[in-house]
PDB file of N, CA and C in Angstrom:
ATOM      1  N   UNK A   1      -9.115  -9.752 -38.889  1.00  0.00           N
ATOM      2  CA  UNK A   1      -8.012  -9.929 -38.018  1.00  0.00           C
ATOM      3  C   UNK A   1      -8.342 -11.626 -38.194  1.00  0.00           C
ATOM      4  N   UNK A   2      -7.024 -12.142 -38.641  1.00  0.00           N
ATOM      5  CA  UNK A   2      -7.574 -13.529 -38.227  1.00  0.00           C
ATOM      6  C   UNK A   2      -5.951 -14.082 -37.225  1.00  0.00           C
ATOM      7  N   UNK A   3      -5.882 -15.545 -37.837  1.00  0.00           N
ATOM      8  CA  UNK A   3      -5.073 -15.944 -37.009  1.00  0.00           C
ATOM      9  C   UNK A   3      -3.445 -15.904 -37.374  1.00  0.00           C
ATOM     10  N   UNK A   4      -2.592 -15.108 -36.939  1.00  0.00           N
ATOM     11  CA  UNK A   4      -0.909 -14.740 -37.503  1.00  0.00           C
ATOM     12  C   UNK A   4      -0.359 -15.865 -38.510  1.00  0.00           C
ATOM     13  N   UNK A   5      -0.267 -15.375 -39.225  1.00  0.00           N
ATOM     14  CA  UNK A   5       0.674 -16.381 -40.238  1.00  0.00           C
ATOM     15  C   UNK A   5       2.007 -17.042 -39.252  1.00  0.00           C
ATOM     16  N   UNK A   6       2.647 -17.592 -39.971  1.00  0.00           N
ATOM     17  CA  UNK A   6       4.166 -17.743 -39.991  1.00  0.00           C
ATOM     18  C   UNK A   6       5.127 -16.843 -39.543  1.00  0.00           C
ATOM     19  N   UNK A   7       5.152 -16.296 -40.423  1.00  0.00           N
ATOM     20  CA  UNK A   7       6.232 -15.131 -40.511  1.00  0.00           C
ATOM     21  C   UNK A   7       5.748 -14.132 -39.758  1.00  0.00           C
ATOM     22  N   UNK A   8       4.716 -13.759 -39.129  1.00  0.00           N
ATOM     23  CA  UNK A   8       4.302 -13.128 -38.072  1.00  0.00           C
ATOM     24  C   UNK A   8       4.531 -13.755 -36.562  1.00  0.00           C
ATOM     25  N   UNK A   9       4.481 -14.562 -36.168  1.00  0.00           N
ATOM     26  CA  UNK A   9       4.585 -15.373 -35.031  1.00  0.00           C
ATOM     27  C   UNK A   9       6.079 -15.150 -34.646  1.00  0.00           C
ATOM     28  N   UNK A  10       6.827 -15.330 -36.426  1.00  0.00           N
ATOM     29  CA  UNK A  10       8.092 -15.153 -35.908  1.00  0.00           C
ATOM     30  C   UNK A  10       9.005 -13.815 -35.394  1.00  0.00           C
ATOM     31  N   UNK A  11       8.135 -13.092 -35.941  1.00  0.00           N
ATOM     32  CA  UNK A  11       8.248 -12.038 -35.817  1.00  0.00           C
ATOM     33  C   UNK A  11       7.935 -11.330 -34.282  1.00  0.00           C
ATOM     34  N   UNK A  12       6.926 -12.157 -33.676  1.00  0.00           N
ATOM     35  CA  UNK A  12       6.249 -11.993 -32.426  1.00  0.00           C
ATOM     36  C   UNK A  12       7.265 -12.080 -31.112  1.00  0.00           C
ATOM     37  N   UNK A  13       7.596 -13.319 -32.120  1.00  0.00           N
ATOM     38  CA  UNK A  13       8.602 -14.647 -30.713  1.00  0.00           C
ATOM     39  C   UNK A  13       9.869 -13.211 -30.663  1.00  0.00           C
ATOM     40  N   UNK A  14      10.673 -13.114 -31.716  1.00  0.00           N
ATOM     41  CA  UNK A  14      11.630 -12.298 -31.950  1.00  0.00           C
ATOM     42  C   UNK A  14      11.805 -11.221 -30.888  1.00  0.00           C
ATOM     43  N   UNK A  15      10.794 -10.359 -31.192  1.00  0.00           N
ATOM     44  CA  UNK A  15       9.916  -9.052 -30.016  1.00  0.00           C
ATOM     45  C   UNK A  15      10.089  -9.437 -28.401  1.00  0.00           C
ATOM     46  N   UNK A  16       9.834 -10.487 -28.046  1.00  0.00           N
ATOM     47  CA  UNK A  16       9.355 -11.018 -27.004  1.00  0.00           C
ATOM     48  C   UNK A  16      10.544 -11.621 -26.186  1.00  0.00           C
ATOM     49  N   UNK A  17      11.510 -12.226 -27.032  1.00  0.00           N
ATOM     50  CA  UNK A  17      12.756 -11.993 -27.013  1.00  0.00           C
ATOM     51  C   UNK A  17      13.845 -10.607 -26.212  1.00  0.00           C
ATOM     52  N   UNK A  18      13.465 -10.182 -27.344  1.00  0.00           N
ATOM     53  CA  UNK A  18      14.603  -8.784 -27.451  1.00  0.00           C
ATOM     54  C   UNK A  18      13.936  -7.766 -25.957  1.00  0.00           C
ATOM     55  N   UNK A  19      12.280  -7.967 -25.548  1.00  0.00           N
ATOM     56  CA  UNK A  19      11.764  -7.479 -24.865  1.00  0.00           C
ATOM     57  C   UNK A  19      12.449  -8.222 -23.783  1.00  0.00           C
ATOM     58  N   UNK A  20      12.674  -9.286 -23.401  1.00  0.00           N
ATOM     59  CA  UNK A  20      12.253  -9.749 -21.718  1.00  0.00           C
ATOM     60  C   UNK A  20      13.916 -10.759 -21.848  1.00  0.00           C
ATOM     61  N   UNK A  21      14.992 -10.684 -22.760  1.00  0.00           N
ATOM     62  CA  UNK A  21      15.809 -11.499 -22.695  1.00  0.00           C
ATOM     63  C   UNK A  21      15.661 -13.361 -22.637  1.00  0.00           C
ATOM     64  N   UNK A  22      16.731 -13.627 -23.240  1.00  0.00           N
ATOM     65  CA  UNK A  22      16.749 -15.266 -23.259  1.00  0.00           C
ATOM     66  C   UNK A  22      16.285 -16.069 -21.869  1.00  0.00           C
ATOM     67  N   UNK A  23      16.906 -15.597 -20.610  1.00  0.00           N
ATOM     68  CA  UNK A  23      17.624 -15.709 -19.379  1.00  0.00           C
ATOM     69  C   UNK A  23      15.626 -15.588 -18.832  1.00  0.00           C
ATOM     70  N   UNK A  24      15.256 -14.609 -19.187  1.00  0.00           N
ATOM     71  CA  UNK A  24      13.733 -14.727 -18.628  1.00  0.00           C
ATOM     72  C   UNK A  24      12.082 -15.535 -19.433  1.00  0.00           C
ATOM     73  N   UNK A  25      12.838 -15.151 -20.381  1.00  0.00           N
ATOM     74  CA  UNK A  25      11.304 -16.427 -20.829  1.00  0.00           C
ATOM     75  C   UNK A  25      10.883 -17.812 -20.031  1.00  0.00           C
ATOM     76  N   UNK A  26      11.915 -18.882 -19.989  1.00  0.00           N
ATOM     77  CA  UNK A  26      11.473 -19.681 -18.859  1.00  0.00           C
ATOM     78  C   UNK A  26      10.566 -19.145 -17.459  1.00  0.00           C
ATOM     79  N   UNK A  27      11.388 -18.024 -16.872  1.00  0.00           N
ATOM     80  CA  UNK A  27      11.032 -17.616 -15.760  1.00  0.00           C
ATOM     81  C   UNK A  27       9.082 -17.335 -16.019  1.00  0.00           C
ATOM     82  N   UNK A  28       9.160 -16.565 -16.888  1.00  0.00           N
ATOM     83  CA  UNK A  28       7.964 -16.256 -17.494  1.00  0.00           C
ATOM     84  C   UNK A  28       6.940 -17.344 -17.713  1.00  0.00           C
ATOM     85  N   UNK A  29       7.542 -18.186 -18.312  1.00  0.00           N
ATOM     86  CA  UNK A  29       6.807 -19.334 -18.746  1.00  0.00           C
ATOM     87  C   UNK A  29       6.281 -19.963 -17.591  1.00  0.00           C
ATOM     88  N   UNK A  30       6.965 -20.631 -16.593  1.00  0.00           N
ATOM     89  CA  UNK A  30       7.161 -21.183 -14.873  1.00  0.00           C
ATOM     90  C   UNK A  30       5.986 -20.256 -14.440  1.00  0.00           C
ATOM     91  N   UNK A  31       6.453 -18.977 -14.335  1.00  0.00           N
ATOM     92  CA  UNK A  31       4.968 -18.140 -13.537  1.00  0.00           C
ATOM     93  C   UNK A  31       4.094 -18.579 -14.144  1.00  0.00           C
ATOM     94  N   UNK A  32       3.541 -18.280 -15.664  1.00  0.00           N
ATOM     95  CA  UNK A  32       2.459 -18.750 -15.822  1.00  0.00           C
ATOM     96  C   UNK A  32       1.753 -20.064 -15.842  1.00  0.00           C
ATOM     97  N   UNK A  33       2.419 -21.213 -15.897  1.00  0.00           N
ATOM     98  CA  UNK A  33       2.435 -22.256 -15.428  1.00  0.00           C
ATOM     99  C   UNK A  33       1.657 -22.756 -13.855  1.00  0.00           C
ATOM    100  N   UNK A  34       2.573 -22.177 -13.219  1.00  0.00           N
ATOM    101  CA  UNK A  34       1.893 -22.206 -12.146  1.00  0.00           C
ATOM    102  C   UNK A  34       0.933 -21.403 -11.302  1.00  0.00           C
ATOM    103  N   UNK A  35       0.462 -20.323 -12.509  1.00  0.00           N
ATOM    104  CA  UNK A  35      -0.985 -19.461 -12.382  1.00  0.00           C
ATOM    105  C   UNK A  35      -1.938 -20.374 -12.535  1.00  0.00           C
ATOM    106  N   UNK A  36      -1.843 -20.617 -14.052  1.00  0.00           N
ATOM    107  CA  UNK A  36      -2.931 -22.165 -14.856  1.00  0.00           C
ATOM    108  C   UNK A  36      -3.039 -23.219 -13.570  1.00  0.00           C
ATOM    109  N   UNK A  37      -2.174 -23.734 -12.916  1.00  0.00           N
ATOM    110  CA  UNK A  37      -2.417 -24.577 -12.151  1.00  0.00           C
ATOM    111  C   UNK A  37      -2.788 -24.269 -10.993  1.00  0.00           C
ATOM    112  N   UNK A  38      -2.799 -23.240  -9.987  1.00  0.00           N
ATOM    113  CA  UNK A  38      -3.289 -22.541  -8.837  1.00  0.00           C
ATOM    114  C   UNK A  38      -4.842 -22.281  -9.638  1.00  0.00           C
ATOM    115  N   UNK A  39      -5.130 -21.666 -10.698  1.00  0.00           N
ATOM    116  CA  UNK A  39      -6.295 -21.617 -11.230  1.00  0.00           C
ATOM    117  C   UNK A  39      -7.269 -22.590 -11.239  1.00  0.00           C
ATOM    118  N   UNK A  40      -6.589 -23.929 -11.811  1.00  0.00           N
ATOM    119  CA  UNK A  40      -7.226 -25.383 -11.421  1.00  0.00           C
ATOM    120  C   UNK A  40      -7.601 -25.833 -10.931  1.00  0.00           C
ATOM    121  N   UNK A  41      -6.667 -25.284  -9.652  1.00  0.00           N
ATOM    122  CA  UNK A  41      -7.051 -26.168  -8.580  1.00  0.00           C
ATOM    123  C   UNK A  41      -7.999 -25.296  -7.636  1.00  0.00           C
ATOM    124  N   UNK A  42      -7.936 -24.143  -7.706  1.00  0.00           N
ATOM    125  CA  UNK A  42      -9.539 -23.432  -6.543  1.00  0.00           C
ATOM    126  C   UNK A  42     -10.121 -23.738  -7.612  1.00  0.00           C
ATOM    127  N   UNK A  43     -10.672 -23.638  -8.862  1.00  0.00           N
ATOM    128  CA  UNK A  43     -11.800 -24.379  -9.306  1.00  0.00           C
ATOM    129  C   UNK A  43     -12.282 -25.850  -8.822  1.00  0.00           C
ATOM    130  N   UNK A  44     -11.430 -26.206  -9.142  1.00  0.00           N
ATOM    131  CA  UNK A  44     -11.648 -27.784  -8.497  1.00  0.00           C
ATOM    132  C   UNK A  44     -12.260 -28.051  -7.289  1.00  0.00           C
ATOM    133  N   UNK A  45     -11.684 -27.275  -6.417  1.00  0.00           N
ATOM    134  CA  UNK A  45     -11.746 -27.361  -4.962  1.00  0.00           C
ATOM    135  C   UNK A  45     -13.257 -26.349  -4.767  1.00  0.00           C
ATOM    136  N   UNK A  46     -13.542 -25.542  -5.607  1.00  0.00           N
ATOM    137  CA  UNK A  46     -14.875 -24.778  -5.544  1.00  0.00           C
ATOM    138  C   UNK A  46     -16.157 -25.854  -6.117  1.00  0.00           C
ATOM    139  N   UNK A  47     -15.759 -26.233  -6.992  1.00  0.00           N
ATOM    140  CA  UNK A  47     -16.011 -27.671  -7.316  1.00  0.00           C
ATOM    141  C   UNK A  47     -17.184 -28.649  -6.109  1.00  0.00           C
ATOM    142  N   UNK A  48     -16.158 -29.010  -5.610  1.00  0.00           N
ATOM    143  CA  UNK A  48     -15.986 -29.906  -4.721  1.00  0.00           C
ATOM    144  C   UNK A  48     -17.169 -29.764  -3.146  1.00  0.00           C
ATOM    145  N   UNK A  49     -16.610 -27.845  -3.289  1.00  0.00           N
ATOM    146  CA  UNK A  49     -17.253 -27.481  -2.058  1.00  0.00           C
ATOM    147  C   UNK A  49     -19.147 -27.185  -2.290  1.00  0.00           C
ATOM    148  N   UNK A  50     -19.228 -26.496  -3.708  1.00  0.00           N
ATOM    149  CA  UNK A  50     -20.444 -26.320  -4.120  1.00  0.00           C
ATOM    150  C   UNK A  50     -20.977 -28.086  -3.915  1.00  0.00           C
ATOM    151  N   UNK A  51     -20.892 -29.073  -4.330  1.00  0.00           N
ATOM    152  CA  UNK A  51     -21.455 -30.440  -4.209  1.00  0.00           C
ATOM    153  C   UNK A  51     -21.616 -30.527  -2.990  1.00  0.00           C
ATOM    154  N   UNK A  52     -20.696 -30.627  -2.188  1.00  0.00           N
ATOM    155  CA  UNK A  52     -20.807 -30.535  -0.407  1.00  0.00           C
ATOM    156  C   UNK A  52     -22.054 -29.878  -0.102  1.00  0.00           C
ATOM    157  N   UNK A  53     -22.290 -27.904  -0.231  1.00  0.00           N
ATOM    158  CA  UNK A  53     -23.587 -27.522  -0.028  1.00  0.00           C
ATOM    159  C   UNK A  53     -24.706 -28.082  -0.283  1.00  0.00           C
ATOM    160  N   UNK A  54     -24.312 -28.997  -1.488  1.00  0.00           N
ATOM    161  CA  UNK A  54     -25.889 -28.965  -2.280  1.00  0.00           C
ATOM    162  C   UNK A  54     -26.009 -30.859  -1.470  1.00  0.00           C
ATOM    163  N   UNK A  55     -25.209 -31.721  -1.063  1.00  0.00           N
ATOM    164  CA  UNK A  55     -25.730 -32.349  -0.233  1.00  0.00           C
ATOM    165  C   UNK A  55     -26.017 -32.001   0.866  1.00  0.00           C
ATOM    166  N   UNK A  56     -25.800 -30.719   1.570  1.00  0.00           N
ATOM    167  CA  UNK A  56     -26.015 -30.776   2.694  1.00  0.00           C
ATOM    168  C   UNK A  56     -27.526 -29.887   2.924  1.00  0.00           C
ATOM    169  N   UNK A  57     -27.772 -29.459   1.996  1.00  0.00           N
ATOM    170  CA  UNK A  57     -29.392 -28.899   1.253  1.00  0.00           C
ATOM    171  C   UNK A  57     -30.155 -30.062   1.340  1.00  0.00           C
ATOM    172  N   UNK A  58     -29.685 -31.309   0.613  1.00  0.00           N
ATOM    173  CA  UNK A  58     -30.406 -32.283   0.002  1.00  0.00           C
ATOM    174  C   UNK A  58     -31.348 -32.788   1.422  1.00  0.00           C
ATOM    175  N   UNK A  59     -29.962 -32.888   2.606  1.00  0.00           N
ATOM    176  CA  UNK A  59     -30.352 -33.649   3.493  1.00  0.00           C
ATOM    177  C   UNK A  59     -30.880 -33.015   4.309  1.00  0.00           C
ATOM    178  N   UNK A  60     -30.826 -31.709   4.727  1.00  0.00           N
ATOM    179  CA  UNK A  60     -31.548 -30.783   5.473  1.00  0.00           C
ATOM    180  C   UNK A  60     -33.145 -30.853   5.106  1.00  0.00           C
ATOM    181  N   UNK A  61     -33.862 -30.817   4.203  1.00  0.00           N
ATOM    182  CA  UNK A  61     -34.793 -31.278   2.769  1.00  0.00           C
ATOM    183  C   UNK A  61     -35.157 -32.535   3.672  1.00  0.00           C
ATOM    184  N   UNK A  62     -34.603 -33.508   3.447  1.00  0.00           N
ATOM    185  CA  UNK A  62     -35.033 -34.831   3.410  1.00  0.00           C
ATOM    186  C   UNK A  62     -35.446 -35.109   5.270  1.00  0.00           C
ATOM    187  N   UNK A  63     -34.191 -34.061   6.009  1.00  0.00           N
ATOM    188  CA  UNK A  63     -34.835 -34.029   7.708  1.00  0.00           C
ATOM    189  C   UNK A  63     -36.317 -33.425   7.757  1.00  0.00           C
ATOM    190  N   UNK A  64     -36.571 -32.227   7.219  1.00  0.00           N
ATOM    191  CA  UNK A  64     -37.660 -31.452   7.518  1.00  0.00           C
ATOM    192  C   UNK A  64     -38.683 -32.698   6.712  1.00  0.00           C
ATOM    193  N   UNK A  65     -38.633 -33.519   5.766  1.00  0.00           N
ATOM    194  CA  UNK A  65     -40.058 -34.133   5.081  1.00  0.00           C
ATOM    195  C   UNK A  65     -40.088 -35.447   6.034  1.00  0.00           C
ATOM    196  N   UNK A  66     -38.975 -35.940   6.720  1.00  0.00           N
ATOM    197  CA  UNK A  66     -39.003 -37.122   7.667  1.00  0.00           C
ATOM    198  C   UNK A  66     -39.957 -36.119   8.873  1.00  0.00           C
ATOM    199  N   UNK A  67     -39.386 -35.319   9.095  1.00  0.00           N
ATOM    200  CA  UNK A  67     -40.154 -34.493  10.574  1.00  0.00           C
ATOM    201  C   UNK A  67     -41.424 -34.104  10.496  1.00  0.00           C
ATOM    202  N   UNK A  68     -41.988 -33.654   9.513  1.00  0.00           N
ATOM    203  CA  UNK A  68     -43.460 -33.232   9.132  1.00  0.00           C
ATOM    204  C   UNK A  68     -44.449 -34.520   9.029  1.00  0.00           C
ATOM    205  N   UNK A  69     -43.471 -35.629   8.410  1.00  0.00           N
ATOM    206  CA  UNK A  69     -44.231 -37.345   8.577  1.00  0.00           C
ATOM    207  C   UNK A  69     -44.135 -37.699   9.807  1.00  0.00           C
ATOM    208  N   UNK A  70     -43.583 -37.295  10.390  1.00  0.00           N
ATOM    209  CA  UNK A  70     -43.483 -37.800  11.986  1.00  0.00           C
ATOM    210  C   UNK A  70     -44.629 -37.174  12.914  1.00  0.00           C
ATOM    211  N   UNK A  71     -44.705 -36.100  12.425  1.00  0.00           N
ATOM    212  CA  UNK A  71     -45.629 -34.812  13.345  1.00  0.00           C
ATOM    213  C   UNK A  71     -47.151 -35.339  12.981  1.00  0.00           C
ATOM    214  N   UNK A  72     -47.403 -35.990  11.332  1.00  0.00           N
ATOM    215  CA  UNK A  72     -48.933 -35.812  10.759  1.00  0.00           C
ATOM    216  C   UNK A  72     -49.355 -37.090  11.992  1.00  0.00           C
ATOM    217  N   UNK A  73     -47.807 -38.708  11.473  1.00  0.00           N
ATOM    218  CA  UNK A  73     -48.572 -39.482  12.394  1.00  0.00           C
ATOM    219  C   UNK A  73     -48.976 -39.569  14.055  1.00  0.00           C
ATOM    220  N   UNK A  74     -48.247 -38.179  14.403  1.00  0.00           N
ATOM    221  CA  UNK A  74     -48.686 -38.266  16.213  1.00  0.00           C
ATOM    222  C   UNK A  74     -49.852 -37.638  16.143  1.00  0.00           C
ATOM    223  N   UNK A  75     -50.381 -37.284  15.179  1.00  0.00           N
ATOM    224  CA  UNK A  75     -51.301 -35.923  15.395  1.00  0.00           C
ATOM    225  C   UNK A  75     -52.905 -37.347  15.296  1.00  0.00           C
ATOM    226  N   UNK A  76     -52.535 -38.583  14.283  1.00  0.00           N
ATOM    227  CA  UNK A  76     -53.542 -39.291  13.970  1.00  0.00           C
ATOM    228  C   UNK A  76     -53.818 -40.298  15.114  1.00  0.00           C
TER     229      UNK A  76
END
């Protein structure tokens, strides 16, 4: 099963046109486009949130290291 040839693509397009009609296809394409757009937006927001969480973890580790050094210097 390879990539459909030109004639097969034309037949598929005609079947889709018959099933959904000419007026419904732009609406379906618009809905698909909006879905892809929202998916990409959610991925970007997740990446930003993940980076923010990573920065908070690093900051907490640095604060802990500073506190340990401070306690050690006070004991000496």
